[in-house]
Every structure is written in C-alpha cells, then in structure tokens.
Amino acid sequence: VQLQASGGGLVQAGGSLRLSCTASRRSFSRSAMGWFRQAPGKEREFVAVITRNGGTTYLADSVKGRVTISRDNARNTVYLQINSLKPEDTAVYYCAANVRGILTSGRTYYTNSQSYDYWGQGTKVTVSS
C-alpha cells in the first residue's frame, strides 16, 4: 500500500489546515489509519487514529478540541483537520496504515508508530507566530 500525504504548508497561528492522505489500494478500507508528526529534533509522536469504518477515533491529548480525523473509504482517503494552529504544531505530518485493526488493542498499541505497517512520505506544516 502506498500512501500519499498532502495539504501541509505555512500558516499563521490560529489558522487551520486540512491534511489528506490517499492510499493506492482498495484495501485501504480494511486498515485503521493514523497520523503522526515529528518536529525538528524530536521523536515522532502520535496525533490521531481512526478505525476501518470510521466509527471510532482516538486523539492525542495535545490536540483534543482542535483536531478531527475522518476518512472517505470510497476515495481511499483519510483527513486530518487541524484548527487553532499553534507554533508547537510545526512538524512533518505522516499518515500510516495499520492492517490488523486497533479496536481490541489499548492506547499503548495504537499510539506506537511500530504498530503501523505502511507510511506516507510526510507533509510539512509550519505555523508562524
């Protein structure tokens, strides 16, 4: 499965962005999809994940209230809407696919980047103050 992330850019603090990640295969609908981010000099961190049918989502505490993850299985695409952007949101954002599912697993599992099987190339988000 190839994942193509897009939608990043330079935005002022307080603004919004919608990131997209499109998968190359129809098997996308059988994968839970996650977003991670990596800021300069920092480790990659979990942002959000959505189950295969979109019925359940989990968010990192740092983005709750500002971020929405959604998916359109007909378009093989997952979205990450980020509102009220802050300079600390500056990072490269990566989408990732988990083929085993996450519903029966705990937070330790789906927040771990090693639980994901396929990764996109990343899209850069820069938030100016």
C-alpha atoms as a PDB file:
ATOM      1  CA  VAL A   1       0.000   0.000   0.000  1.00  0.00           C
ATOM      2  CA  GLN A   2       1.385   3.361  -0.975  1.00  0.00           C
ATOM      3  CA  LEU A   3       0.258   6.405   0.973  1.00  0.00           C
ATOM      4  CA  GLN A   4       0.472   9.938  -0.335  1.00  0.00           C
ATOM      5  CA  ALA A   5       0.095  12.766   2.164  1.00  0.00           C
ATOM      6  CA  SER A   6      -0.643  16.327   1.159  1.00  0.00           C
ATOM      7  CA  GLY A   7      -2.072  19.586   2.428  1.00  0.00           C
ATOM      8  CA  GLY A   8       0.759  20.934   4.515  1.00  0.00           C
ATOM      9  CA  GLY A   9       2.067  24.452   4.243  1.00  0.00           C
ATOM     10  CA  LEU A  10       2.864  27.676   6.021  1.00  0.00           C
ATOM     11  CA  VAL A  11       0.053  29.100   8.107  1.00  0.00           C
ATOM     12  CA  GLN A  12      -0.277  31.736  10.790  1.00  0.00           C
ATOM     13  CA  ALA A  13      -1.081  30.797  14.353  1.00  0.00           C
ATOM     14  CA  GLY A  14      -4.811  30.486  14.802  1.00  0.00           C
ATOM     15  CA  GLY A  15      -5.336  29.275  11.272  1.00  0.00           C
ATOM     16  CA  SER A  16      -6.482  25.901  10.002  1.00  0.00           C
ATOM     17  CA  LEU A  17      -5.270  23.202   7.675  1.00  0.00           C
ATOM     18  CA  ARG A  18      -6.715  20.006   6.321  1.00  0.00           C
ATOM     19  CA  LEU A  19      -4.232  17.287   5.591  1.00  0.00           C
ATOM     20  CA  SER A  20      -5.100  14.448   3.251  1.00  0.00           C
ATOM     21  CA  CYS A  21      -3.643  11.008   2.781  1.00  0.00           C
ATOM     22  CA  THR A  22      -4.637   8.879  -0.177  1.00  0.00           C
ATOM     23  CA  ALA A  23      -3.924   5.189  -0.450  1.00  0.00           C
ATOM     24  CA  SER A  24      -3.107   3.363  -3.632  1.00  0.00           C
ATOM     25  CA  ARG A  25      -5.245   0.305  -2.995  1.00  0.00           C
ATOM     26  CA  ARG A  26      -8.827  -0.538  -2.200  1.00  0.00           C
ATOM     27  CA  SER A  27      -7.548  -2.467   0.812  1.00  0.00           C
ATOM     28  CA  PHE A  28      -7.390   0.952   2.447  1.00  0.00           C
ATOM     29  CA  SER A  29     -10.866   0.309   3.839  1.00  0.00           C
ATOM     30  CA  ARG A  30      -9.519  -2.662   5.791  1.00  0.00           C
ATOM     31  CA  SER A  31      -6.853  -0.589   7.530  1.00  0.00           C
ATOM     32  CA  ALA A  32      -7.021   1.623  10.549  1.00  0.00           C
ATOM     33  CA  MET A  33      -5.382   4.915   9.628  1.00  0.00           C
ATOM     34  CA  GLY A  34      -3.248   7.069  11.845  1.00  0.00           C
ATOM     35  CA  TRP A  35      -1.484  10.403  11.781  1.00  0.00           C
ATOM     36  CA  PHE A  36       1.818  11.050  13.480  1.00  0.00           C
ATOM     37  CA  ARG A  37       4.041  14.093  13.488  1.00  0.00           C
ATOM     38  CA  GLN A  38       7.701  14.792  14.003  1.00  0.00           C
ATOM     39  CA  ALA A  39       9.009  18.180  14.958  1.00  0.00           C
ATOM     40  CA  PRO A  40      12.644  19.124  14.359  1.00  0.00           C
ATOM     41  CA  GLY A  41      14.877  17.445  16.889  1.00  0.00           C
ATOM     42  CA  LYS A  42      12.032  15.477  18.432  1.00  0.00           C
ATOM     43  CA  GLU A  43      10.719  11.950  18.219  1.00  0.00           C
ATOM     44  CA  ARG A  44       7.747  11.043  16.093  1.00  0.00           C
ATOM     45  CA  GLU A  45       4.564  11.329  18.104  1.00  0.00           C
ATOM     46  CA  PHE A  46       1.022  10.067  17.758  1.00  0.00           C
ATOM     47  CA  VAL A  47      -1.650  12.560  16.728  1.00  0.00           C
ATOM     48  CA  ALA A  48      -4.801  10.640  15.824  1.00  0.00           C
ATOM     49  CA  VAL A  49      -6.159   7.346  14.561  1.00  0.00           C
ATOM     50  CA  ILE A  50      -9.421   6.208  13.006  1.00  0.00           C
ATOM     51  CA  THR A  51     -10.796   2.697  12.731  1.00  0.00           C
ATOM     52  CA  ARG A  52     -11.530   0.936   9.476  1.00  0.00           C
ATOM     53  CA  ASN A  53     -15.124   2.039   9.161  1.00  0.00           C
ATOM     54  CA  GLY A  54     -14.541   5.439  10.710  1.00  0.00           C
ATOM     55  CA  GLY A  55     -16.702   4.665  13.677  1.00  0.00           C
ATOM     56  CA  THR A  56     -14.078   5.257  16.350  1.00  0.00           C
ATOM     57  CA  THR A  57     -11.320   7.820  16.649  1.00  0.00           C
ATOM     58  CA  TYR A  58      -8.618   8.463  19.213  1.00  0.00           C
ATOM     59  CA  LEU A  59      -6.688  11.684  19.596  1.00  0.00           C
ATOM     60  CA  ALA A  60      -3.565  12.734  21.419  1.00  0.00           C
ATOM     61  CA  ASP A  61      -4.307  14.867  24.462  1.00  0.00           C
ATOM     62  CA  SER A  62      -2.234  17.688  22.981  1.00  0.00           C
ATOM     63  CA  VAL A  63      -4.624  18.123  20.050  1.00  0.00           C
ATOM     64  CA  LYS A  64      -8.021  17.306  21.545  1.00  0.00           C
ATOM     65  CA  GLY A  65     -10.535  20.003  20.772  1.00  0.00           C
ATOM     66  CA  ARG A  66      -8.539  21.215  17.776  1.00  0.00           C
ATOM     67  CA  VAL A  67      -8.164  18.161  15.579  1.00  0.00           C
ATOM     68  CA  THR A  68     -10.605  15.955  13.731  1.00  0.00           C
ATOM     69  CA  ILE A  69      -9.689  12.791  11.883  1.00  0.00           C
ATOM     70  CA  SER A  70     -12.048  11.399   9.264  1.00  0.00           C
ATOM     71  CA  ARG A  71     -11.972   9.107   6.271  1.00  0.00           C
ATOM     72  CA  ASP A  72     -13.710   8.506   2.979  1.00  0.00           C
ATOM     73  CA  ASN A  73     -13.268   4.873   2.044  1.00  0.00           C
ATOM     74  CA  ALA A  74     -14.806   5.449  -1.381  1.00  0.00           C
ATOM     75  CA  ARG A  75     -11.926   7.828  -2.099  1.00  0.00           C
ATOM     76  CA  ASN A  76      -9.286   5.805  -0.218  1.00  0.00           C
ATOM     77  CA  THR A  77      -8.509   8.954   1.719  1.00  0.00           C
ATOM     78  CA  VAL A  78      -8.073   9.918   5.351  1.00  0.00           C
ATOM     79  CA  TYR A  79      -8.144  13.515   6.530  1.00  0.00           C
ATOM     80  CA  LEU A  80      -6.736  15.435   9.450  1.00  0.00           C
ATOM     81  CA  GLN A  81      -8.385  18.760  10.134  1.00  0.00           C
ATOM     82  CA  ILE A  82      -6.317  20.955  12.439  1.00  0.00           C
ATOM     83  CA  ASN A  83      -7.831  24.151  13.787  1.00  0.00           C
ATOM     84  CA  SER A  84      -6.439  26.885  16.017  1.00  0.00           C
ATOM     85  CA  LEU A  85      -2.938  26.030  14.896  1.00  0.00           C
ATOM     86  CA  LYS A  86      -0.103  26.810  17.279  1.00  0.00           C
ATOM     87  CA  PRO A  87       3.611  27.214  16.599  1.00  0.00           C
ATOM     88  CA  GLU A  88       4.176  23.969  18.501  1.00  0.00           C
ATOM     89  CA  ASP A  89       2.156  22.166  15.825  1.00  0.00           C
ATOM     90  CA  THR A  90       5.031  22.779  13.429  1.00  0.00           C
ATOM     91  CA  ALA A  91       6.194  19.361  12.244  1.00  0.00           C
ATOM     92  CA  VAL A  92       6.210  16.930   9.395  1.00  0.00           C
ATOM     93  CA  TYR A  93       2.944  15.035   9.494  1.00  0.00           C
ATOM     94  CA  TYR A  94       2.863  11.404   8.456  1.00  0.00           C
ATOM     95  CA  CYS A  95      -0.070   9.153   7.730  1.00  0.00           C
ATOM     96  CA  ALA A  96       0.179   5.453   8.427  1.00  0.00           C
ATOM     97  CA  ALA A  97      -1.880   2.312   7.917  1.00  0.00           C
ATOM     98  CA  ASN A  98      -2.471  -0.466  10.415  1.00  0.00           C
ATOM     99  CA  VAL A  99      -3.823  -3.626   8.787  1.00  0.00           C
ATOM    100  CA  ARG A 100      -4.502  -5.614  11.963  1.00  0.00           C
ATOM    101  CA  GLY A 101      -7.005  -3.256  13.489  1.00  0.00           C
ATOM    102  CA  ILE A 102      -6.907  -1.314  16.718  1.00  0.00           C
ATOM    103  CA  LEU A 103     -10.254  -1.816  18.422  1.00  0.00           C
ATOM    104  CA  THR A 104      -9.108  -4.745  20.538  1.00  0.00           C
ATOM    105  CA  SER A 105      -5.879  -3.009  21.496  1.00  0.00           C
ATOM    106  CA  GLY A 106      -5.136  -0.378  24.034  1.00  0.00           C
ATOM    107  CA  ARG A 107      -3.728   3.089  23.805  1.00  0.00           C
ATOM    108  CA  THR A 108      -0.162   1.823  24.102  1.00  0.00           C
ATOM    109  CA  TYR A 109      -0.675  -0.083  20.863  1.00  0.00           C
ATOM    110  CA  TYR A 110      -2.253   2.491  18.599  1.00  0.00           C
ATOM    111  CA  THR A 111      -0.031   5.341  19.759  1.00  0.00           C
ATOM    112  CA  ASN A 112       3.081   3.311  18.948  1.00  0.00           C
ATOM    113  CA  SER A 113       4.478   4.010  15.496  1.00  0.00           C
ATOM    114  CA  GLN A 114       5.723   0.430  15.304  1.00  0.00           C
ATOM    115  CA  SER A 115       2.119  -0.787  15.237  1.00  0.00           C
ATOM    116  CA  TYR A 116       1.694   0.635  11.736  1.00  0.00           C
ATOM    117  CA  ASP A 117       2.599  -1.255   8.609  1.00  0.00           C
ATOM    118  CA  TYR A 118       2.727   1.377   5.883  1.00  0.00           C
ATOM    119  CA  TRP A 119       3.768   5.010   5.939  1.00  0.00           C
ATOM    120  CA  GLY A 120       3.362   8.013   3.708  1.00  0.00           C
ATOM    121  CA  GLN A 121       6.197  10.355   2.887  1.00  0.00           C
ATOM    122  CA  GLY A 122       5.051  13.168   5.153  1.00  0.00           C
ATOM    123  CA  THR A 123       3.743  16.657   4.589  1.00  0.00           C
ATOM    124  CA  LYS A 124       5.306  19.649   6.321  1.00  0.00           C
ATOM    125  CA  VAL A 125       3.277  22.023   8.428  1.00  0.00           C
ATOM    126  CA  THR A 126       4.829  25.271   9.584  1.00  0.00           C
ATOM    127  CA  VAL A 127       2.939  27.573  11.917  1.00  0.00           C
ATOM    128  CA  SER A 128       4.223  31.103  12.312  1.00  0.00           C
ATOM    129  CA  SER A 129       3.571  33.126  15.459  1.00  0.00           C
END
